[in-house]
Amino acid sequence: MDVGAARYREELQDWGYGNAEVPDGHDSFWLGGPLKISVTEKVRFLKNLMSGELAVEEEHLANLIDISRTGQVGNLTLHGKTGSGPVRPGAFSGAFEGWYAGWLMKDEKALVVFAHHTTGDNFEAIQTFRRSFAETLLAACGMNGDDN
């Protein structure tokens, strides 16, 4: 199914997803631009998504929650998604940047949302670091579920 640039732009604008820039004619805007989103904007988007403030069907949100489950931090369920690409588009042997963004849940409620963005000398440098460091930070902030 071809979603089309106009619909992408409309949905991304409605959701407040970054700059919502989508060119006509291709869908690679997710990786090489011009779509841009800051860490703060990504956290705001996830907060709005998980609190039900966005027009997303319950079934679709339930599917997202199901497939995004990636582990545990203490007794909280960790949900997240990675993403990465070369800092210079097409330069796969050079520096890479990547995301790990998601949320922690307890008793079917999202307690905290987070986004971690990092860069490294190559893909291998960020491949496991982006998630493991996010988990370390969450644990250091007391996100283990004992008092949450």
Foldseek 3Di string as FASTA:
>chain_A
DDCFLVNQLVQCVQLQAAPSDDDGDDDCCVPPHPGDHDFVSLQVSQVCLQVVVHPDDPVVSVVQVVVQFDQAQAPWTWGWDKDKDAPPHPPQQFKMKMKIWTFTDDPSHTDGTGMFIDMDGHCVVPVCVRVVVVSVVCVVVVNNPPVD
